[in-house]
């Protein structure tokens, strides 16, 4: 069974990505976001001195860690080793960060 990629515009209409591309929708202008995709991702995890993951990064498989195409989050932990917050690099969830620079970003 073939998968259909679905997008939702910011006005709430559901459209296929094929329709979006055929009609030259600008993802920025129309707020298109992918709900279902076939991309293959790699996830990297950087741990603290123990077993708690601190940074988690996601990018298309094969992406260099120095490329500015990573989505990076930071997890904070309390004294009992319970996760307390997840924050995004420079407060954005876009794939615009470098994994190699993960510790230098501001997380919010």
PDB file of N, CA and C in Angstrom:
ATOM      1  N   UNK A   1       0.840  -1.165   0.000  1.00  0.00           N
ATOM      2  CA  UNK A   1       0.000   0.000   0.000  1.00  0.00           C
ATOM      3  C   UNK A   1       0.893   1.239   0.000  1.00  0.00           C
ATOM      4  N   UNK A   2       0.667   2.155  -0.892  1.00  0.00           N
ATOM      5  CA  UNK A   2       1.450   3.385  -1.005  1.00  0.00           C
ATOM      6  C   UNK A   2       1.041   4.354   0.092  1.00  0.00           C
ATOM      7  N   UNK A   3       2.033   5.047   0.622  1.00  0.00           N
ATOM      8  CA  UNK A   3       1.756   6.058   1.629  1.00  0.00           C
ATOM      9  C   UNK A   3       1.477   7.384   0.943  1.00  0.00           C
ATOM     10  N   UNK A   4       0.572   8.131   1.479  1.00  0.00           N
ATOM     11  CA  UNK A   4       0.291   9.471   0.989  1.00  0.00           C
ATOM     12  C   UNK A   4       0.797  10.461   2.008  1.00  0.00           C
ATOM     13  N   UNK A   5       1.628  11.360   1.563  1.00  0.00           N
ATOM     14  CA  UNK A   5       2.122  12.403   2.457  1.00  0.00           C
ATOM     15  C   UNK A   5       1.046  13.466   2.598  1.00  0.00           C
ATOM     16  N   UNK A   6       0.745  13.805   3.824  1.00  0.00           N
ATOM     17  CA  UNK A   6      -0.319  14.750   4.128  1.00  0.00           C
ATOM     18  C   UNK A   6       0.287  15.993   4.765  1.00  0.00           C
ATOM     19  N   UNK A   7      -0.241  17.136   4.418  1.00  0.00           N
ATOM     20  CA  UNK A   7       0.171  18.399   5.038  1.00  0.00           C
ATOM     21  C   UNK A   7      -1.069  19.122   5.510  1.00  0.00           C
ATOM     22  N   UNK A   8      -0.880  19.997   6.476  1.00  0.00           N
ATOM     23  CA  UNK A   8      -1.992  20.805   6.969  1.00  0.00           C
ATOM     24  C   UNK A   8      -1.564  22.266   6.875  1.00  0.00           C
ATOM     25  N   UNK A   9      -2.394  23.066   6.214  1.00  0.00           N
ATOM     26  CA  UNK A   9      -2.096  24.494   6.115  1.00  0.00           C
ATOM     27  C   UNK A   9      -2.531  25.174   7.400  1.00  0.00           C
ATOM     28  N   UNK A  10      -2.035  26.401   7.641  1.00  0.00           N
ATOM     29  CA  UNK A  10      -2.344  27.058   8.906  1.00  0.00           C
ATOM     30  C   UNK A  10      -3.813  27.426   9.041  1.00  0.00           C
ATOM     31  N   UNK A  11      -4.566  27.399   7.933  1.00  0.00           N
ATOM     32  CA  UNK A  11      -6.005  27.642   8.053  1.00  0.00           C
ATOM     33  C   UNK A  11      -6.759  26.352   8.377  1.00  0.00           C
ATOM     34  N   UNK A  12      -6.012  25.238   8.572  1.00  0.00           N
ATOM     35  CA  UNK A  12      -6.617  23.989   9.013  1.00  0.00           C
ATOM     36  C   UNK A  12      -6.996  23.026   7.910  1.00  0.00           C
ATOM     37  N   UNK A  13      -6.816  23.402   6.670  1.00  0.00           N
ATOM     38  CA  UNK A  13      -7.155  22.507   5.573  1.00  0.00           C
ATOM     39  C   UNK A  13      -6.099  21.415   5.424  1.00  0.00           C
ATOM     40  N   UNK A  14      -6.535  20.207   5.188  1.00  0.00           N
ATOM     41  CA  UNK A  14      -5.626  19.101   4.948  1.00  0.00           C
ATOM     42  C   UNK A  14      -5.482  18.926   3.447  1.00  0.00           C
ATOM     43  N   UNK A  15      -4.234  18.858   2.987  1.00  0.00           N
ATOM     44  CA  UNK A  15      -3.954  18.685   1.563  1.00  0.00           C
ATOM     45  C   UNK A  15      -2.830  17.680   1.410  1.00  0.00           C
ATOM     46  N   UNK A  16      -2.719  17.070   0.246  1.00  0.00           N
ATOM     47  CA  UNK A  16      -1.585  16.190   0.011  1.00  0.00           C
ATOM     48  C   UNK A  16      -0.383  17.039  -0.345  1.00  0.00           C
ATOM     49  N   UNK A  17       0.791  16.518  -0.068  1.00  0.00           N
ATOM     50  CA  UNK A  17       1.993  17.257  -0.436  1.00  0.00           C
ATOM     51  C   UNK A  17       2.099  17.392  -1.947  1.00  0.00           C
ATOM     52  N   UNK A  18       1.591  16.407  -2.664  1.00  0.00           N
ATOM     53  CA  UNK A  18       1.596  16.490  -4.116  1.00  0.00           C
ATOM     54  C   UNK A  18       0.811  17.722  -4.576  1.00  0.00           C
ATOM     55  N   UNK A  19      -0.356  17.965  -3.947  1.00  0.00           N
ATOM     56  CA  UNK A  19      -1.143  19.163  -4.265  1.00  0.00           C
ATOM     57  C   UNK A  19      -0.396  20.432  -3.861  1.00  0.00           C
ATOM     58  N   UNK A  20       0.264  20.376  -2.716  1.00  0.00           N
ATOM     59  CA  UNK A  20       1.002  21.551  -2.253  1.00  0.00           C
ATOM     60  C   UNK A  20       2.097  21.918  -3.245  1.00  0.00           C
ATOM     61  N   UNK A  21       2.848  20.919  -3.694  1.00  0.00           N
ATOM     62  CA  UNK A  21       3.925  21.197  -4.638  1.00  0.00           C
ATOM     63  C   UNK A  21       3.374  21.584  -6.002  1.00  0.00           C
ATOM     64  N   UNK A  22       2.312  20.933  -6.448  1.00  0.00           N
ATOM     65  CA  UNK A  22       1.721  21.239  -7.757  1.00  0.00           C
ATOM     66  C   UNK A  22       1.204  22.667  -7.807  1.00  0.00           C
ATOM     67  N   UNK A  23       0.738  23.176  -6.659  1.00  0.00           N
ATOM     68  CA  UNK A  23       0.205  24.534  -6.600  1.00  0.00           C
ATOM     69  C   UNK A  23       1.229  25.539  -6.079  1.00  0.00           C
ATOM     70  N   UNK A  24       2.475  25.103  -5.974  1.00  0.00           N
ATOM     71  CA  UNK A  24       3.582  25.970  -5.545  1.00  0.00           C
ATOM     72  C   UNK A  24       3.320  26.659  -4.210  1.00  0.00           C
ATOM     73  N   UNK A  25       2.773  25.926  -3.248  1.00  0.00           N
ATOM     74  CA  UNK A  25       2.597  26.494  -1.912  1.00  0.00           C
ATOM     75  C   UNK A  25       3.958  26.786  -1.308  1.00  0.00           C
ATOM     76  N   UNK A  26       4.096  27.924  -0.703  1.00  0.00           N
ATOM     77  CA  UNK A  26       5.302  28.279   0.028  1.00  0.00           C
ATOM     78  C   UNK A  26       5.068  27.860   1.473  1.00  0.00           C
ATOM     79  N   UNK A  27       5.871  26.932   1.962  1.00  0.00           N
ATOM     80  CA  UNK A  27       5.670  26.405   3.310  1.00  0.00           C
ATOM     81  C   UNK A  27       5.697  27.510   4.356  1.00  0.00           C
ATOM     82  N   UNK A  28       6.532  28.514   4.172  1.00  0.00           N
ATOM     83  CA  UNK A  28       6.599  29.616   5.128  1.00  0.00           C
ATOM     84  C   UNK A  28       5.335  30.460   5.079  1.00  0.00           C
ATOM     85  N   UNK A  29       4.903  30.804   3.879  1.00  0.00           N
ATOM     86  CA  UNK A  29       3.734  31.668   3.723  1.00  0.00           C
ATOM     87  C   UNK A  29       2.450  30.978   4.157  1.00  0.00           C
ATOM     88  N   UNK A  30       2.308  29.713   3.824  1.00  0.00           N
ATOM     89  CA  UNK A  30       1.054  29.018   4.097  1.00  0.00           C
ATOM     90  C   UNK A  30       1.089  28.156   5.349  1.00  0.00           C
ATOM     91  N   UNK A  31       2.220  28.111   6.016  1.00  0.00           N
ATOM     92  CA  UNK A  31       2.307  27.349   7.259  1.00  0.00           C
ATOM     93  C   UNK A  31       2.156  25.860   7.056  1.00  0.00           C
ATOM     94  N   UNK A  32       2.648  25.340   5.954  1.00  0.00           N
ATOM     95  CA  UNK A  32       2.549  23.901   5.701  1.00  0.00           C
ATOM     96  C   UNK A  32       3.488  23.167   6.653  1.00  0.00           C
ATOM     97  N   UNK A  33       2.972  22.146   7.294  1.00  0.00           N
ATOM     98  CA  UNK A  33       3.839  21.291   8.091  1.00  0.00           C
ATOM     99  C   UNK A  33       3.546  19.842   7.723  1.00  0.00           C
ATOM    100  N   UNK A  34       4.570  19.046   7.662  1.00  0.00           N
ATOM    101  CA  UNK A  34       4.423  17.649   7.263  1.00  0.00           C
ATOM    102  C   UNK A  34       3.900  16.844   8.448  1.00  0.00           C
ATOM    103  N   UNK A  35       2.844  16.094   8.221  1.00  0.00           N
ATOM    104  CA  UNK A  35       2.289  15.241   9.267  1.00  0.00           C
ATOM    105  C   UNK A  35       2.789  13.812   9.144  1.00  0.00           C
ATOM    106  N   UNK A  36       3.227  13.443   7.962  1.00  0.00           N
ATOM    107  CA  UNK A  36       3.627  12.076   7.694  1.00  0.00           C
ATOM    108  C   UNK A  36       4.683  12.133   6.600  1.00  0.00           C
ATOM    109  N   UNK A  37       5.869  11.630   6.872  1.00  0.00           N
ATOM    110  CA  UNK A  37       6.891  11.680   5.838  1.00  0.00           C
ATOM    111  C   UNK A  37       7.651  10.362   5.780  1.00  0.00           C
ATOM    112  N   UNK A  38       8.425  10.210   4.728  1.00  0.00           N
ATOM    113  CA  UNK A  38       9.194   8.992   4.511  1.00  0.00           C
ATOM    114  C   UNK A  38      10.688   9.206   4.733  1.00  0.00           C
ATOM    115  N   UNK A  39      11.064  10.309   5.340  1.00  0.00           N
ATOM    116  CA  UNK A  39      12.478  10.579   5.548  1.00  0.00           C
ATOM    117  C   UNK A  39      13.067   9.608   6.555  1.00  0.00           C
ATOM    118  N   UNK A  40      14.322   9.306   6.352  1.00  0.00           N
ATOM    119  CA  UNK A  40      15.062   8.425   7.250  1.00  0.00           C
ATOM    120  C   UNK A  40      15.955   9.306   8.111  1.00  0.00           C
ATOM    121  N   UNK A  41      15.788   9.248   9.418  1.00  0.00           N
ATOM    122  CA  UNK A  41      16.528  10.101  10.332  1.00  0.00           C
ATOM    123  C   UNK A  41      17.530   9.314  11.165  1.00  0.00           C
ATOM    124  N   UNK A  42      18.572  10.024  11.577  1.00  0.00           N
ATOM    125  CA  UNK A  42      19.537   9.528  12.538  1.00  0.00           C
ATOM    126  C   UNK A  42      19.342  10.340  13.806  1.00  0.00           C
ATOM    127  N   UNK A  43      19.403   9.672  14.945  1.00  0.00           N
ATOM    128  CA  UNK A  43      19.307  10.350  16.229  1.00  0.00           C
ATOM    129  C   UNK A  43      20.593  10.116  17.001  1.00  0.00           C
ATOM    130  N   UNK A  44      21.205  11.195  17.482  1.00  0.00           N
ATOM    131  CA  UNK A  44      22.401  11.104  18.315  1.00  0.00           C
ATOM    132  C   UNK A  44      22.051  11.554  19.722  1.00  0.00           C
ATOM    133  N   UNK A  45      22.685  10.930  20.707  1.00  0.00           N
ATOM    134  CA  UNK A  45      22.427  11.244  22.111  1.00  0.00           C
ATOM    135  C   UNK A  45      23.755  11.480  22.805  1.00  0.00           C
ATOM    136  N   UNK A  46      23.841  12.568  23.569  1.00  0.00           N
ATOM    137  CA  UNK A  46      25.022  12.906  24.362  1.00  0.00           C
ATOM    138  C   UNK A  46      24.612  12.821  25.828  1.00  0.00           C
ATOM    139  N   UNK A  47      25.342  12.037  26.612  1.00  0.00           N
ATOM    140  CA  UNK A  47      24.996  11.779  28.007  1.00  0.00           C
ATOM    141  C   UNK A  47      25.828  12.630  28.958  1.00  0.00           C
ATOM    142  N   UNK A  48      25.297  12.815  30.183  1.00  0.00           N
ATOM    143  CA  UNK A  48      26.088  13.448  31.228  1.00  0.00           C
ATOM    144  C   UNK A  48      27.137  12.447  31.703  1.00  0.00           C
ATOM    145  N   UNK A  49      27.771  12.712  32.818  1.00  0.00           N
ATOM    146  CA  UNK A  49      28.797  11.792  33.310  1.00  0.00           C
ATOM    147  C   UNK A  49      28.215  10.462  33.796  1.00  0.00           C
ATOM    148  N   UNK A  50      26.896  10.417  33.952  1.00  0.00           N
ATOM    149  CA  UNK A  50      26.227   9.181  34.348  1.00  0.00           C
ATOM    150  C   UNK A  50      25.502   8.570  33.166  1.00  0.00           C
ATOM    151  N   UNK A  51      24.239   8.267  33.365  1.00  0.00           N
ATOM    152  CA  UNK A  51      23.456   7.617  32.309  1.00  0.00           C
ATOM    153  C   UNK A  51      22.317   8.478  31.790  1.00  0.00           C
ATOM    154  N   UNK A  52      22.292   9.745  32.185  1.00  0.00           N
ATOM    155  CA  UNK A  52      21.208  10.629  31.756  1.00  0.00           C
ATOM    156  C   UNK A  52      21.528  11.280  30.416  1.00  0.00           C
ATOM    157  N   UNK A  53      20.627  11.133  29.441  1.00  0.00           N
ATOM    158  CA  UNK A  53      20.845  11.859  28.182  1.00  0.00           C
ATOM    159  C   UNK A  53      20.639  13.353  28.406  1.00  0.00           C
ATOM    160  N   UNK A  54      21.563  14.150  27.905  1.00  0.00           N
ATOM    161  CA  UNK A  54      21.475  15.606  28.046  1.00  0.00           C
ATOM    162  C   UNK A  54      21.025  16.236  26.732  1.00  0.00           C
ATOM    163  N   UNK A  55      21.697  15.878  25.653  1.00  0.00           N
ATOM    164  CA  UNK A  55      21.367  16.419  24.332  1.00  0.00           C
ATOM    165  C   UNK A  55      20.887  15.293  23.431  1.00  0.00           C
ATOM    166  N   UNK A  56      19.834  15.576  22.671  1.00  0.00           N
ATOM    167  CA  UNK A  56      19.342  14.642  21.666  1.00  0.00           C
ATOM    168  C   UNK A  56      19.223  15.410  20.362  1.00  0.00           C
ATOM    169  N   UNK A  57      19.857  14.885  19.325  1.00  0.00           N
ATOM    170  CA  UNK A  57      19.836  15.534  18.026  1.00  0.00           C
ATOM    171  C   UNK A  57      19.269  14.613  16.962  1.00  0.00           C
ATOM    172  N   UNK A  58      18.580  15.207  16.003  1.00  0.00           N
ATOM    173  CA  UNK A  58      17.949  14.448  14.932  1.00  0.00           C
ATOM    174  C   UNK A  58      18.241  15.157  13.610  1.00  0.00           C
ATOM    175  N   UNK A  59      18.618  14.357  12.600  1.00  0.00           N
ATOM    176  CA  UNK A  59      18.877  14.896  11.261  1.00  0.00           C
ATOM    177  C   UNK A  59      18.697  13.776  10.245  1.00  0.00           C
ATOM    178  N   UNK A  60      18.589  14.136   8.999  1.00  0.00           N
ATOM    179  CA  UNK A  60      18.476  13.143   7.936  1.00  0.00           C
ATOM    180  C   UNK A  60      19.705  12.241   7.977  1.00  0.00           C
ATOM    181  N   UNK A  61      19.494  10.947   7.771  1.00  0.00           N
ATOM    182  CA  UNK A  61      20.593   9.990   7.772  1.00  0.00           C
ATOM    183  C   UNK A  61      21.672  10.419   6.791  1.00  0.00           C
ATOM    184  N   UNK A  62      22.914  10.352   7.243  1.00  0.00           N
ATOM    185  CA  UNK A  62      24.045  10.737   6.411  1.00  0.00           C
ATOM    186  C   UNK A  62      24.493  12.170   6.612  1.00  0.00           C
ATOM    187  N   UNK A  63      23.761  12.934   7.415  1.00  0.00           N
ATOM    188  CA  UNK A  63      24.119  14.326   7.665  1.00  0.00           C
ATOM    189  C   UNK A  63      25.392  14.403   8.500  1.00  0.00           C
ATOM    190  N   UNK A  64      26.308  15.257   8.108  1.00  0.00           N
ATOM    191  CA  UNK A  64      27.516  15.482   8.900  1.00  0.00           C
ATOM    192  C   UNK A  64      27.151  16.164  10.209  1.00  0.00           C
ATOM    193  N   UNK A  65      27.868  15.851  11.278  1.00  0.00           N
ATOM    194  CA  UNK A  65      27.581  16.481  12.568  1.00  0.00           C
ATOM    195  C   UNK A  65      27.932  17.968  12.556  1.00  0.00           C
ATOM    196  N   UNK A  66      28.709  18.404  11.579  1.00  0.00           N
ATOM    197  CA  UNK A  66      29.067  19.812  11.444  1.00  0.00           C
ATOM    198  C   UNK A  66      28.087  20.594  10.563  1.00  0.00           C
ATOM    199  N   UNK A  67      27.124  19.905   9.961  1.00  0.00           N
ATOM    200  CA  UNK A  67      26.144  20.570   9.091  1.00  0.00           C
ATOM    201  C   UNK A  67      25.068  21.249   9.934  1.00  0.00           C
ATOM    202  N   UNK A  68      24.609  22.400   9.489  1.00  0.00           N
ATOM    203  CA  UNK A  68      23.573  23.155  10.212  1.00  0.00           C
ATOM    204  C   UNK A  68      22.189  22.674   9.802  1.00  0.00           C
ATOM    205  N   UNK A  69      21.959  21.378   9.951  1.00  0.00           N
ATOM    206  CA  UNK A  69      20.673  20.781   9.582  1.00  0.00           C
ATOM    207  C   UNK A  69      20.183  19.807  10.657  1.00  0.00           C
ATOM    208  N   UNK A  70      20.546  20.083  11.900  1.00  0.00           N
ATOM    209  CA  UNK A  70      20.141  19.254  13.025  1.00  0.00           C
ATOM    210  C   UNK A  70      19.058  19.938  13.852  1.00  0.00           C
ATOM    211  N   UNK A  71      18.192  19.129  14.423  1.00  0.00           N
ATOM    212  CA  UNK A  71      17.217  19.569  15.419  1.00  0.00           C
ATOM    213  C   UNK A  71      17.770  19.068  16.756  1.00  0.00           C
ATOM    214  N   UNK A  72      17.958  19.977  17.712  1.00  0.00           N
ATOM    215  CA  UNK A  72      18.613  19.581  18.958  1.00  0.00           C
ATOM    216  C   UNK A  72      17.782  20.010  20.161  1.00  0.00           C
ATOM    217  N   UNK A  73      17.627  19.090  21.097  1.00  0.00           N
ATOM    218  CA  UNK A  73      16.951  19.384  22.359  1.00  0.00           C
ATOM    219  C   UNK A  73      17.892  19.077  23.516  1.00  0.00           C
ATOM    220  N   UNK A  74      17.620  19.735  24.621  1.00  0.00           N
ATOM    221  CA  UNK A  74      18.386  19.512  25.845  1.00  0.00           C
ATOM    222  C   UNK A  74      17.418  19.119  26.954  1.00  0.00           C
ATOM    223  N   UNK A  75      17.786  18.097  27.703  1.00  0.00           N
ATOM    224  CA  UNK A  75      16.965  17.618  28.816  1.00  0.00           C
ATOM    225  C   UNK A  75      17.661  17.990  30.118  1.00  0.00           C
ATOM    226  N   UNK A  76      16.914  18.576  31.058  1.00  0.00           N
ATOM    227  CA  UNK A  76      17.459  18.850  32.385  1.00  0.00           C
ATOM    228  C   UNK A  76      16.902  17.820  33.362  1.00  0.00           C
ATOM    229  N   UNK A  77      17.686  17.556  34.408  1.00  0.00           N
ATOM    230  CA  UNK A  77      17.367  16.515  35.381  1.00  0.00           C
ATOM    231  C   UNK A  77      17.419  17.083  36.792  1.00  0.00           C
ATOM    232  N   UNK A  78      16.579  16.560  37.693  1.00  0.00           N
ATOM    233  CA  UNK A  78      16.646  16.986  39.092  1.00  0.00           C
ATOM    234  C   UNK A  78      17.635  16.097  39.849  1.00  0.00           C
ATOM    235  N   UNK A  79      17.804  16.344  41.139  1.00  0.00           N
ATOM    236  CA  UNK A  79      18.791  15.611  41.948  1.00  0.00           C
ATOM    237  C   UNK A  79      18.437  14.127  42.101  1.00  0.00           C
ATOM    238  N   UNK A  80      17.185  13.770  41.833  1.00  0.00           N
ATOM    239  CA  UNK A  80      16.758  12.363  41.908  1.00  0.00           C
ATOM    240  C   UNK A  80      16.816  11.658  40.556  1.00  0.00           C
ATOM    241  N   UNK A  81      17.481  12.295  39.590  1.00  0.00           N
ATOM    242  CA  UNK A  81      17.606  11.744  38.227  1.00  0.00           C
ATOM    243  C   UNK A  81      16.268  11.612  37.511  1.00  0.00           C
ATOM    244  N   UNK A  82      15.374  12.552  37.771  1.00  0.00           N
ATOM    245  CA  UNK A  82      14.114  12.624  37.043  1.00  0.00           C
ATOM    246  C   UNK A  82      14.216  13.745  36.020  1.00  0.00           C
ATOM    247  N   UNK A  83      13.783  13.501  34.785  1.00  0.00           N
ATOM    248  CA  UNK A  83      13.811  14.594  33.812  1.00  0.00           C
ATOM    249  C   UNK A  83      12.826  15.682  34.225  1.00  0.00           C
ATOM    250  N   UNK A  84      13.246  16.936  34.081  1.00  0.00           N
ATOM    251  CA  UNK A  84      12.395  18.047  34.511  1.00  0.00           C
ATOM    252  C   UNK A  84      11.956  18.943  33.357  1.00  0.00           C
ATOM    253  N   UNK A  85      12.793  19.092  32.332  1.00  0.00           N
ATOM    254  CA  UNK A  85      12.451  19.966  31.210  1.00  0.00           C
ATOM    255  C   UNK A  85      13.113  19.477  29.926  1.00  0.00           C
ATOM    256  N   UNK A  86      12.465  19.785  28.827  1.00  0.00           N
ATOM    257  CA  UNK A  86      13.062  19.614  27.513  1.00  0.00           C
ATOM    258  C   UNK A  86      13.014  20.980  26.851  1.00  0.00           C
ATOM    259  N   UNK A  87      14.170  21.441  26.425  1.00  0.00           N
ATOM    260  CA  UNK A  87      14.256  22.749  25.770  1.00  0.00           C
ATOM    261  C   UNK A  87      14.973  22.582  24.434  1.00  0.00           C
ATOM    262  N   UNK A  88      14.672  23.478  23.509  1.00  0.00           N
ATOM    263  CA  UNK A  88      15.215  23.417  22.158  1.00  0.00           C
ATOM    264  C   UNK A  88      16.343  24.413  21.968  1.00  0.00           C
ATOM    265  N   UNK A  89      17.320  24.045  21.158  1.00  0.00           N
ATOM    266  CA  UNK A  89      18.461  24.908  20.864  1.00  0.00           C
ATOM    267  C   UNK A  89      17.961  26.232  20.276  1.00  0.00           C
ATOM    268  N   UNK A  90      18.371  27.323  20.891  1.00  0.00           N
ATOM    269  CA  UNK A  90      17.954  28.667  20.490  1.00  0.00           C
ATOM    270  C   UNK A  90      16.438  28.810  20.416  1.00  0.00           C
ATOM    271  N   UNK A  91      15.735  27.992  21.192  1.00  0.00           N
ATOM    272  CA  UNK A  91      14.265  28.037  21.311  1.00  0.00           C
ATOM    273  C   UNK A  91      13.532  27.743  20.004  1.00  0.00           C
ATOM    274  N   UNK A  92      14.164  26.979  19.108  1.00  0.00           N
ATOM    275  CA  UNK A  92      13.501  26.616  17.850  1.00  0.00           C
ATOM    276  C   UNK A  92      13.596  25.105  17.629  1.00  0.00           C
ATOM    277  N   UNK A  93      12.559  24.542  17.009  1.00  0.00           N
ATOM    278  CA  UNK A  93      12.571  23.106  16.721  1.00  0.00           C
ATOM    279  C   UNK A  93      12.968  22.813  15.279  1.00  0.00           C
ATOM    280  N   UNK A  94      13.409  23.827  14.579  1.00  0.00           N
ATOM    281  CA  UNK A  94      13.795  23.662  13.179  1.00  0.00           C
ATOM    282  C   UNK A  94      15.112  22.889  13.065  1.00  0.00           C
ATOM    283  N   UNK A  95      15.345  22.362  11.897  1.00  0.00           N
ATOM    284  CA  UNK A  95      16.560  21.610  11.609  1.00  0.00           C
ATOM    285  C   UNK A  95      17.625  22.588  11.086  1.00  0.00           C
ATOM    286  N   UNK A  96      18.137  23.445  11.983  1.00  0.00           N
ATOM    287  CA  UNK A  96      19.054  24.512  11.584  1.00  0.00           C
ATOM    288  C   UNK A  96      20.282  24.605  12.486  1.00  0.00           C
ATOM    289  N   UNK A  97      20.546  23.591  13.261  1.00  0.00           N
ATOM    290  CA  UNK A  97      21.658  23.627  14.218  1.00  0.00           C
ATOM    291  C   UNK A  97      22.735  22.610  13.838  1.00  0.00           C
ATOM    292  N   UNK A  98      23.938  22.810  14.385  1.00  0.00           N
ATOM    293  CA  UNK A  98      25.043  21.876  14.186  1.00  0.00           C
ATOM    294  C   UNK A  98      25.185  21.004  15.437  1.00  0.00           C
ATOM    295  N   UNK A  99      25.196  19.698  15.252  1.00  0.00           N
ATOM    296  CA  UNK A  99      25.359  18.795  16.390  1.00  0.00           C
ATOM    297  C   UNK A  99      26.669  19.088  17.117  1.00  0.00           C
ATOM    298  N   UNK A 100      27.733  19.362  16.377  1.00  0.00           N
ATOM    299  CA  UNK A 100      29.031  19.632  16.995  1.00  0.00           C
ATOM    300  C   UNK A 100      29.002  20.849  17.916  1.00  0.00           C
ATOM    301  N   UNK A 101      28.061  21.751  17.730  1.00  0.00           N
ATOM    302  CA  UNK A 101      27.978  22.984  18.514  1.00  0.00           C
ATOM    303  C   UNK A 101      26.891  22.922  19.593  1.00  0.00           C
ATOM    304  N   UNK A 102      26.358  21.756  19.880  1.00  0.00           N
ATOM    305  CA  UNK A 102      25.197  21.602  20.770  1.00  0.00           C
ATOM    306  C   UNK A 102      25.372  22.279  22.127  1.00  0.00           C
ATOM    307  N   UNK A 103      26.553  22.247  22.697  1.00  0.00           N
ATOM    308  CA  UNK A 103      26.752  22.833  24.028  1.00  0.00           C
ATOM    309  C   UNK A 103      26.823  24.362  23.986  1.00  0.00           C
ATOM    310  N   UNK A 104      27.001  24.934  22.809  1.00  0.00           N
ATOM    311  CA  UNK A 104      27.146  26.392  22.713  1.00  0.00           C
ATOM    312  C   UNK A 104      25.821  27.134  22.526  1.00  0.00           C
ATOM    313  N   UNK A 105      24.750  26.399  22.251  1.00  0.00           N
ATOM    314  CA  UNK A 105      23.459  27.059  22.022  1.00  0.00           C
ATOM    315  C   UNK A 105      22.797  27.440  23.337  1.00  0.00           C
ATOM    316  N   UNK A 106      21.884  28.398  23.255  1.00  0.00           N
ATOM    317  CA  UNK A 106      21.034  28.760  24.392  1.00  0.00           C
ATOM    318  C   UNK A 106      19.779  27.916  24.268  1.00  0.00           C
ATOM    319  N   UNK A 107      19.339  27.349  25.367  1.00  0.00           N
ATOM    320  CA  UNK A 107      18.163  26.475  25.327  1.00  0.00           C
ATOM    321  C   UNK A 107      17.000  27.105  26.059  1.00  0.00           C
ATOM    322  N   UNK A 108      15.877  27.135  25.369  1.00  0.00           N
ATOM    323  CA  UNK A 108      14.689  27.760  25.953  1.00  0.00           C
ATOM    324  C   UNK A 108      13.430  27.207  25.385  1.00  0.00           C
TER     325      UNK A 108
END
